[in-house]
Amino acid sequence: MQELQQAFQTINWGLIAPLILIQLVLMVIAVIDLIKIKDTNGPKWVWLLVVLFINVIGPIIYFIFGRRQNG
């Protein structure tokens, strides 16, 4: 337990916190969009797994490839 506390104290949170915030914002926006959008390229449940479990890049992949383009 002491090693874990020391590890958390040595982390530079000034660099890590913005990345965590970006990840959470992208994830929330992608999940909201996934719920609202009618059609996707593939099953919605697969895109939900991609968004939730592939850090940072998952929501980006969804917005590039998952959303069905109208037109």
N, C-alpha and C. Protein backbone atom coordinates (compact mmCIF):
# COMPACT_ATOMS: atom_id res chain seq x y z
N MET A 1 0.83 -1.20 0.00
CA MET A 1 0.00 0.00 0.00
C MET A 1 0.87 1.25 0.00
N GLN A 2 1.95 1.21 0.72
CA GLN A 2 2.87 2.35 0.79
C GLN A 2 3.47 2.65 -0.59
N GLU A 3 3.78 1.57 -1.36
CA GLU A 3 4.35 1.77 -2.69
C GLU A 3 3.35 2.44 -3.62
N LEU A 4 2.08 2.07 -3.49
CA LEU A 4 1.04 2.66 -4.31
C LEU A 4 0.88 4.15 -4.00
N GLN A 5 0.92 4.51 -2.74
CA GLN A 5 0.83 5.91 -2.37
C GLN A 5 2.02 6.71 -2.90
N GLN A 6 3.20 6.12 -2.85
CA GLN A 6 4.39 6.80 -3.37
C GLN A 6 4.30 6.96 -4.88
N ALA A 7 3.73 5.95 -5.56
CA ALA A 7 3.58 6.03 -7.01
C ALA A 7 2.64 7.17 -7.38
N PHE A 8 1.53 7.32 -6.66
CA PHE A 8 0.60 8.40 -6.94
C PHE A 8 1.21 9.77 -6.64
N GLN A 9 2.09 9.84 -5.69
CA GLN A 9 2.72 11.11 -5.36
C GLN A 9 3.77 11.51 -6.40
N THR A 10 4.36 10.54 -7.08
CA THR A 10 5.39 10.86 -8.07
C THR A 10 4.82 11.16 -9.45
N ILE A 11 3.53 10.91 -9.65
CA ILE A 11 2.90 11.20 -10.95
C ILE A 11 2.77 12.70 -11.12
N ASN A 12 3.11 13.18 -12.31
CA ASN A 12 2.95 14.59 -12.63
C ASN A 12 1.51 14.83 -13.08
N TRP A 13 0.65 15.16 -12.13
CA TRP A 13 -0.77 15.32 -12.42
C TRP A 13 -1.05 16.50 -13.34
N GLY A 14 -0.13 17.46 -13.41
CA GLY A 14 -0.30 18.58 -14.33
C GLY A 14 -0.30 18.15 -15.79
N LEU A 15 0.36 17.04 -16.08
CA LEU A 15 0.37 16.49 -17.44
C LEU A 15 -0.72 15.46 -17.66
N ILE A 16 -1.03 14.69 -16.64
CA ILE A 16 -1.99 13.60 -16.77
C ILE A 16 -3.44 14.09 -16.71
N ALA A 17 -3.73 15.05 -15.88
CA ALA A 17 -5.11 15.52 -15.69
C ALA A 17 -5.76 16.01 -16.98
N PRO A 18 -5.09 16.81 -17.81
CA PRO A 18 -5.74 17.23 -19.06
C PRO A 18 -6.05 16.06 -19.99
N LEU A 19 -5.19 15.05 -20.02
CA LEU A 19 -5.46 13.88 -20.86
C LEU A 19 -6.67 13.11 -20.37
N ILE A 20 -6.79 12.98 -19.06
CA ILE A 20 -7.95 12.30 -18.49
C ILE A 20 -9.22 13.10 -18.79
N LEU A 21 -9.15 14.41 -18.67
CA LEU A 21 -10.30 15.26 -18.96
C LEU A 21 -10.71 15.16 -20.43
N ILE A 22 -9.75 15.19 -21.33
CA ILE A 22 -10.04 15.05 -22.77
C ILE A 22 -10.69 13.71 -23.04
N GLN A 23 -10.17 12.65 -22.45
CA GLN A 23 -10.74 11.31 -22.62
C GLN A 23 -12.19 11.28 -22.17
N LEU A 24 -12.46 11.82 -20.99
CA LEU A 24 -13.83 11.79 -20.46
C LEU A 24 -14.79 12.62 -21.31
N VAL A 25 -14.35 13.79 -21.76
CA VAL A 25 -15.21 14.64 -22.59
C VAL A 25 -15.51 13.95 -23.92
N LEU A 26 -14.49 13.41 -24.57
CA LEU A 26 -14.71 12.69 -25.83
C LEU A 26 -15.65 11.51 -25.64
N MET A 27 -15.47 10.78 -24.56
CA MET A 27 -16.30 9.61 -24.31
C MET A 27 -17.76 10.01 -24.09
N VAL A 28 -17.99 11.03 -23.29
CA VAL A 28 -19.37 11.46 -23.00
C VAL A 28 -20.04 11.98 -24.27
N ILE A 29 -19.34 12.78 -25.05
CA ILE A 29 -19.92 13.31 -26.29
C ILE A 29 -20.23 12.18 -27.27
N ALA A 30 -19.33 11.21 -27.39
CA ALA A 30 -19.54 10.09 -28.30
C ALA A 30 -20.72 9.23 -27.86
N VAL A 31 -20.85 8.96 -26.57
CA VAL A 31 -21.97 8.15 -26.08
C VAL A 31 -23.29 8.88 -26.29
N ILE A 32 -23.33 10.16 -26.01
CA ILE A 32 -24.56 10.95 -26.24
C ILE A 32 -24.92 10.93 -27.71
N ASP A 33 -23.93 11.13 -28.58
CA ASP A 33 -24.19 11.11 -30.02
C ASP A 33 -24.68 9.73 -30.46
N LEU A 34 -24.07 8.69 -29.93
CA LEU A 34 -24.45 7.33 -30.27
C LEU A 34 -25.89 7.03 -29.87
N ILE A 35 -26.32 7.57 -28.74
CA ILE A 35 -27.70 7.37 -28.30
C ILE A 35 -28.67 8.13 -29.21
N LYS A 36 -28.30 9.33 -29.60
CA LYS A 36 -29.21 10.19 -30.38
C LYS A 36 -29.28 9.82 -31.85
N ILE A 37 -28.18 9.35 -32.43
CA ILE A 37 -28.12 9.11 -33.86
C ILE A 37 -28.96 7.88 -34.22
N LYS A 38 -29.60 7.92 -35.38
CA LYS A 38 -30.48 6.84 -35.79
C LYS A 38 -29.70 5.68 -36.38
N ASP A 39 -28.80 5.94 -37.31
CA ASP A 39 -28.06 4.89 -38.00
C ASP A 39 -26.56 5.05 -37.81
N THR A 40 -25.88 3.92 -37.67
CA THR A 40 -24.43 3.91 -37.59
C THR A 40 -23.90 2.90 -38.61
N ASN A 41 -22.61 2.97 -38.88
CA ASN A 41 -21.97 1.99 -39.73
C ASN A 41 -21.61 0.79 -38.87
N GLY A 42 -22.54 -0.13 -38.73
CA GLY A 42 -22.35 -1.29 -37.87
C GLY A 42 -23.26 -1.19 -36.66
N PRO A 43 -23.27 -2.24 -35.86
CA PRO A 43 -24.14 -2.26 -34.67
C PRO A 43 -23.74 -1.21 -33.64
N LYS A 44 -24.74 -0.59 -33.06
CA LYS A 44 -24.48 0.44 -32.04
C LYS A 44 -23.74 -0.13 -30.84
N TRP A 45 -24.05 -1.36 -30.44
CA TRP A 45 -23.42 -1.94 -29.26
C TRP A 45 -21.93 -2.12 -29.46
N VAL A 46 -21.49 -2.41 -30.71
CA VAL A 46 -20.06 -2.53 -30.99
C VAL A 46 -19.39 -1.17 -30.86
N TRP A 47 -20.04 -0.14 -31.39
CA TRP A 47 -19.47 1.21 -31.29
C TRP A 47 -19.42 1.67 -29.83
N LEU A 48 -20.41 1.28 -29.04
CA LEU A 48 -20.38 1.62 -27.62
C LEU A 48 -19.17 0.98 -26.94
N LEU A 49 -18.88 -0.27 -27.24
CA LEU A 49 -17.70 -0.93 -26.68
C LEU A 49 -16.41 -0.24 -27.12
N VAL A 50 -16.35 0.15 -28.40
CA VAL A 50 -15.16 0.85 -28.91
C VAL A 50 -14.97 2.16 -28.16
N VAL A 51 -16.03 2.92 -28.01
CA VAL A 51 -15.95 4.22 -27.34
C VAL A 51 -15.55 4.06 -25.86
N LEU A 52 -16.10 3.07 -25.19
CA LEU A 52 -15.87 2.93 -23.76
C LEU A 52 -14.52 2.29 -23.42
N PHE A 53 -14.04 1.37 -24.26
CA PHE A 53 -12.89 0.58 -23.85
C PHE A 53 -11.60 0.86 -24.61
N ILE A 54 -11.64 1.66 -25.65
CA ILE A 54 -10.41 2.04 -26.34
C ILE A 54 -10.14 3.50 -26.00
N ASN A 55 -9.19 3.71 -25.12
CA ASN A 55 -8.92 5.04 -24.58
C ASN A 55 -8.57 6.05 -25.66
N VAL A 56 -9.09 7.23 -25.52
CA VAL A 56 -8.92 8.42 -26.34
C VAL A 56 -9.22 8.14 -27.81
N ILE A 57 -8.60 7.15 -28.41
CA ILE A 57 -8.76 6.92 -29.84
C ILE A 57 -10.13 6.31 -30.17
N GLY A 58 -10.76 5.59 -29.23
CA GLY A 58 -12.06 4.97 -29.48
C GLY A 58 -13.13 5.96 -29.90
N PRO A 59 -13.35 7.05 -29.14
CA PRO A 59 -14.34 8.04 -29.58
C PRO A 59 -13.97 8.69 -30.92
N ILE A 60 -12.69 8.90 -31.15
CA ILE A 60 -12.26 9.50 -32.41
C ILE A 60 -12.56 8.55 -33.57
N ILE A 61 -12.28 7.25 -33.38
CA ILE A 61 -12.60 6.25 -34.41
C ILE A 61 -14.10 6.25 -34.68
N TYR A 62 -14.90 6.35 -33.63
CA TYR A 62 -16.36 6.38 -33.81
C TYR A 62 -16.78 7.57 -34.66
N PHE A 63 -16.26 8.76 -34.35
CA PHE A 63 -16.68 9.94 -35.09
C PHE A 63 -16.21 9.89 -36.55
N ILE A 64 -15.09 9.25 -36.81
CA ILE A 64 -14.59 9.18 -38.19
C ILE A 64 -15.29 8.07 -38.99
N PHE A 65 -15.42 6.88 -38.40
CA PHE A 65 -15.91 5.73 -39.15
C PHE A 65 -17.29 5.25 -38.74
N GLY A 66 -17.73 5.53 -37.55
CA GLY A 66 -18.98 4.95 -37.04
C GLY A 66 -20.24 5.69 -37.44
N ARG A 67 -20.12 6.99 -37.56
CA ARG A 67 -21.31 7.77 -37.90
C ARG A 67 -21.61 7.61 -39.37
N ARG A 68 -22.84 7.33 -39.68
CA ARG A 68 -23.25 7.19 -41.08
C ARG A 68 -23.45 8.59 -41.65
N GLN A 69 -22.80 8.85 -42.75
CA GLN A 69 -22.89 10.16 -43.40
C GLN A 69 -24.14 10.21 -44.27
N ASN A 70 -24.93 11.23 -44.09
CA ASN A 70 -26.12 11.43 -44.92
C ASN A 70 -25.74 12.25 -46.14
N GLY A 71 -26.21 11.82 -47.29
CA GLY A 71 -25.93 12.61 -48.48
C GLY A 71 -25.25 11.82 -49.44
